[in-house]
Amino acid sequence: MTGNRELNVLQGRTAGFITRLIAYMMDVAILAGVMAVGGWLAVLADNVLVSMGVDTGIDLAAIFLFLIPFIIGSYFVFFWSLTGRTIGKWFMGLKIIGRDNKNLSVKQALWRFIGYGVSAMVFWMGYLWVIVDDERQAWHDHMAKTWVIYDYERRSGGQIYAEYQNRAASGRVESESAQTVAMRGGVDQDTDSGAMDV
């Protein structure tokens, strides 16, 4: 478990690949659960209607399958534009910001979601790009001009995050080493600051 000391060090830094991957897998699990329950309810409704002798001429299960991409897209776009984080990213203490350090607009969130498909096209290379990118941006981050940062303000004093906001507001959003952020926050740390940190 990462203690408060380490959380304070990570505050405001661009997030590494592993942390982002865990958050993403949480979102996938949530969506899979929604899809399973929704599909079961659609099939159940179809069966109930048939047993009642009601012929609506509508296949609810087929309609639900058609709506799946829209449900998935709505999940990401809604949370990104409303709070800057999905449930998975909230759980992992991450937040998505734009160049102006504000929550994403709906248009920006839509563009980022489209970028998910682009990032997955070439053997998921766009996602893996976080490992080698200086600012830990995936292809979809570059497309939407977004950054994923650690946001532990609710668990710490928020001093380091406030400094990060000031730098972002002046257009200087950048990836910093943990040692640099630690010096800003007045704490010491000796962990690796690589792109794959958690």
Protein backbone atom coordinates (compact mmCIF):
# COMPACT_ATOMS: atom_id res chain seq x y z
CA MET A 1 0.00 0.00 0.00
CA THR A 2 1.22 3.50 -0.81
CA GLY A 3 1.31 5.56 2.34
CA ASN A 4 0.43 9.22 2.77
CA ARG A 5 4.11 10.12 2.42
CA GLU A 6 4.32 8.52 -1.02
CA LEU A 7 0.94 9.90 -2.07
CA ASN A 8 2.17 13.39 -1.33
CA VAL A 9 5.26 12.77 -3.46
CA LEU A 10 3.18 11.56 -6.41
CA GLN A 11 0.77 14.49 -6.23
CA GLY A 12 0.48 16.29 -9.57
CA ARG A 13 2.84 14.01 -11.50
CA THR A 14 1.83 12.49 -14.81
CA ALA A 15 0.74 8.89 -14.18
CA GLY A 16 2.72 5.84 -15.24
CA PHE A 17 1.66 2.95 -17.43
CA ILE A 18 0.90 0.36 -14.74
CA THR A 19 -1.29 2.69 -12.67
CA ARG A 20 -3.23 3.69 -15.78
CA LEU A 21 -3.55 0.05 -16.85
CA ILE A 22 -5.02 -0.98 -13.48
CA ALA A 23 -7.53 1.88 -13.66
CA TYR A 24 -8.47 0.90 -17.21
CA MET A 25 -8.98 -2.75 -16.24
CA MET A 26 -11.27 -1.64 -13.42
CA ASP A 27 -13.36 0.30 -15.92
CA VAL A 28 -13.44 -2.72 -18.24
CA ALA A 29 -14.66 -4.89 -15.35
CA ILE A 30 -17.38 -2.36 -14.49
CA LEU A 31 -18.53 -2.16 -18.10
CA ALA A 32 -18.46 -5.95 -18.45
CA GLY A 33 -20.75 -6.20 -15.43
CA VAL A 34 -23.13 -3.62 -16.89
CA MET A 35 -23.15 -5.46 -20.23
CA ALA A 36 -23.82 -8.81 -18.54
CA VAL A 37 -26.71 -7.47 -16.45
CA GLY A 38 -28.16 -5.47 -19.34
CA GLY A 39 -27.96 -8.43 -21.72
CA TRP A 40 -29.59 -10.72 -19.17
CA LEU A 41 -32.43 -8.26 -18.61
CA ALA A 42 -32.98 -7.85 -22.36
CA VAL A 43 -33.17 -11.61 -22.89
CA LEU A 44 -35.43 -11.99 -19.86
CA ALA A 45 -37.77 -9.31 -21.17
CA ASP A 46 -37.94 -11.02 -24.56
CA ASN A 47 -38.76 -14.36 -22.92
CA VAL A 48 -41.43 -12.83 -20.69
CA LEU A 49 -43.11 -11.17 -23.67
CA VAL A 50 -43.07 -14.44 -25.64
CA SER A 51 -44.51 -16.38 -22.69
CA MET A 52 -47.31 -13.81 -22.47
CA GLY A 53 -48.03 -14.22 -26.14
CA VAL A 54 -47.08 -10.65 -26.92
CA ASP A 55 -45.54 -10.23 -30.34
CA THR A 56 -43.88 -6.81 -30.49
CA GLY A 57 -41.75 -7.66 -33.49
CA ILE A 58 -38.82 -6.19 -31.56
CA ASP A 59 -35.79 -8.18 -30.44
CA LEU A 60 -34.69 -6.40 -27.27
CA ALA A 61 -31.50 -8.47 -27.00
CA ALA A 62 -30.46 -7.44 -30.52
CA ILE A 63 -31.20 -3.80 -29.73
CA PHE A 64 -29.08 -4.02 -26.60
CA LEU A 65 -26.17 -5.47 -28.58
CA PHE A 66 -26.48 -2.58 -31.02
CA LEU A 67 -26.38 -0.08 -28.13
CA ILE A 68 -23.26 -1.53 -26.48
CA PRO A 69 -20.75 0.77 -28.27
CA PHE A 70 -22.87 3.79 -27.35
CA ILE A 71 -23.10 2.67 -23.71
CA ILE A 72 -19.32 2.23 -23.51
CA GLY A 73 -18.67 5.57 -25.17
CA SER A 74 -21.19 7.33 -22.94
CA TYR A 75 -19.52 5.91 -19.83
CA PHE A 76 -16.12 7.36 -20.68
CA VAL A 77 -17.30 10.64 -22.20
CA PHE A 78 -19.73 11.33 -19.34
CA PHE A 79 -17.19 10.82 -16.55
CA TRP A 80 -14.29 12.47 -18.39
CA SER A 81 -16.26 15.63 -19.16
CA LEU A 82 -18.03 15.77 -15.78
CA THR A 83 -15.28 14.95 -13.28
CA GLY A 84 -12.11 14.30 -15.30
CA ARG A 85 -11.98 10.69 -14.13
CA THR A 86 -13.80 7.41 -14.55
CA ILE A 87 -14.56 5.17 -11.59
CA GLY A 88 -11.35 3.22 -12.20
CA LYS A 89 -9.24 6.37 -12.35
CA TRP A 90 -10.96 7.74 -9.25
CA PHE A 91 -10.13 4.56 -7.36
CA MET A 92 -6.47 4.78 -8.45
CA GLY A 93 -6.24 8.48 -7.60
CA LEU A 94 -5.88 9.68 -11.20
CA LYS A 95 -7.38 12.58 -13.10
CA ILE A 96 -7.42 13.61 -16.76
CA ILE A 97 -6.71 17.28 -17.44
CA GLY A 98 -6.53 19.40 -20.55
CA ARG A 99 -3.97 22.04 -21.44
CA ASP A 100 -5.89 24.65 -19.44
CA ASN A 101 -6.04 22.30 -16.45
CA LYS A 102 -9.85 22.21 -16.59
CA ASN A 103 -12.16 19.24 -17.01
CA LEU A 104 -12.45 18.02 -20.57
CA SER A 105 -15.17 19.44 -22.78
CA VAL A 106 -17.62 16.96 -24.29
CA LYS A 107 -15.95 17.45 -27.67
CA GLN A 108 -12.51 16.81 -26.20
CA ALA A 109 -13.79 13.74 -24.35
CA LEU A 110 -15.34 12.39 -27.56
CA TRP A 111 -12.09 12.93 -29.43
CA ARG A 112 -10.18 11.12 -26.69
CA PHE A 113 -12.58 8.17 -26.85
CA ILE A 114 -12.14 7.96 -30.62
CA GLY A 115 -8.42 7.99 -29.91
CA TYR A 116 -8.85 4.81 -27.87
CA GLY A 117 -9.58 3.01 -31.11
CA VAL A 118 -6.56 4.58 -32.82
CA SER A 119 -4.31 3.59 -29.90
CA ALA A 120 -5.49 -0.02 -30.18
CA MET A 121 -5.11 -0.33 -33.95
CA VAL A 122 -1.42 -1.28 -34.14
CA PHE A 123 -0.96 -3.99 -31.50
CA TRP A 124 -2.08 -1.56 -28.76
CA MET A 125 1.03 0.51 -29.50
CA GLY A 126 -0.81 3.72 -28.70
CA TYR A 127 -1.38 2.61 -25.11
CA LEU A 128 2.17 1.33 -24.69
CA TRP A 129 3.43 4.70 -25.90
CA VAL A 130 3.01 5.96 -22.31
CA ILE A 131 6.14 3.99 -21.39
CA VAL A 132 8.44 5.88 -23.77
CA ASP A 133 6.73 9.27 -23.99
CA ASP A 134 8.44 12.12 -22.11
CA GLU A 135 5.11 13.35 -20.73
CA ARG A 136 3.60 9.87 -20.40
CA GLN A 137 0.93 10.55 -22.99
CA ALA A 138 -0.73 7.79 -24.99
CA TRP A 139 -1.70 8.44 -28.60
CA HIS A 140 -5.24 9.32 -27.55
CA ASP A 141 -3.80 11.85 -25.08
CA HIS A 142 -1.85 13.48 -27.89
CA MET A 143 -4.96 13.53 -30.06
CA ALA A 144 -7.12 15.18 -27.39
CA LYS A 145 -4.30 17.22 -25.79
CA THR A 146 -4.80 15.62 -22.39
CA TRP A 147 -2.61 14.45 -19.54
CA VAL A 148 -3.33 11.86 -16.84
CA ILE A 149 -2.00 12.96 -13.47
CA TYR A 150 -1.99 11.71 -9.90
CA ASP A 151 -4.65 13.62 -7.98
CA TYR A 152 -4.43 12.84 -4.28
CA GLU A 153 -5.66 16.27 -3.15
CA ARG A 154 -8.54 14.71 -1.27
CA ARG A 155 -6.07 12.65 0.79
CA SER A 156 -3.35 15.25 1.38
CA GLY A 157 -2.94 18.96 1.95
CA GLY A 158 -3.11 19.69 -1.76
CA GLN A 159 -0.03 21.96 -1.73
CA ILE A 160 1.83 20.14 -4.51
CA TYR A 161 -1.30 19.87 -6.64
CA ALA A 162 -1.89 23.61 -6.24
CA GLU A 163 1.64 24.27 -7.52
CA TYR A 164 0.98 21.92 -10.44
CA GLN A 165 -2.20 23.84 -11.26
CA ASN A 166 -0.23 27.07 -11.39
CA ARG A 167 2.34 25.56 -13.75
CA ALA A 168 -0.41 24.06 -15.94
CA ALA A 169 -2.27 27.37 -16.07
CA SER A 170 0.85 29.03 -17.46
CA GLY A 171 1.12 26.37 -20.17
CA ARG A 172 4.00 24.50 -18.57
CA VAL A 173 2.40 21.07 -18.10
CA GLU A 174 5.28 18.66 -17.95
CA SER A 175 6.36 15.39 -16.45
CA GLU A 176 8.54 15.81 -13.40
CA SER A 177 10.69 13.32 -11.56
CA ALA A 178 9.49 12.17 -8.17
CA GLN A 179 12.60 13.70 -6.61
CA THR A 180 11.76 17.15 -8.01
CA VAL A 181 8.19 16.97 -6.79
CA ALA A 182 9.38 15.69 -3.43
CA MET A 183 11.67 18.70 -3.05
CA ARG A 184 8.77 21.00 -3.87
CA GLY A 185 6.60 19.30 -1.27
CA GLY A 186 9.26 19.25 1.41
CA VAL A 187 9.41 15.45 1.67
CA ASP A 188 12.07 12.91 0.76
CA GLN A 189 11.58 9.85 -1.37
CA ASP A 190 13.88 7.30 -2.93
CA THR A 191 11.62 5.28 -5.22
CA ASP A 192 11.99 4.89 -8.96
CA SER A 193 10.37 7.68 -10.98
CA GLY A 194 10.08 5.76 -14.26
CA ALA A 195 7.09 5.76 -16.56
CA MET A 196 5.89 2.41 -15.24
CA ASP A 197 5.57 3.45 -11.58
CA VAL A 198 2.45 2.73 -9.53
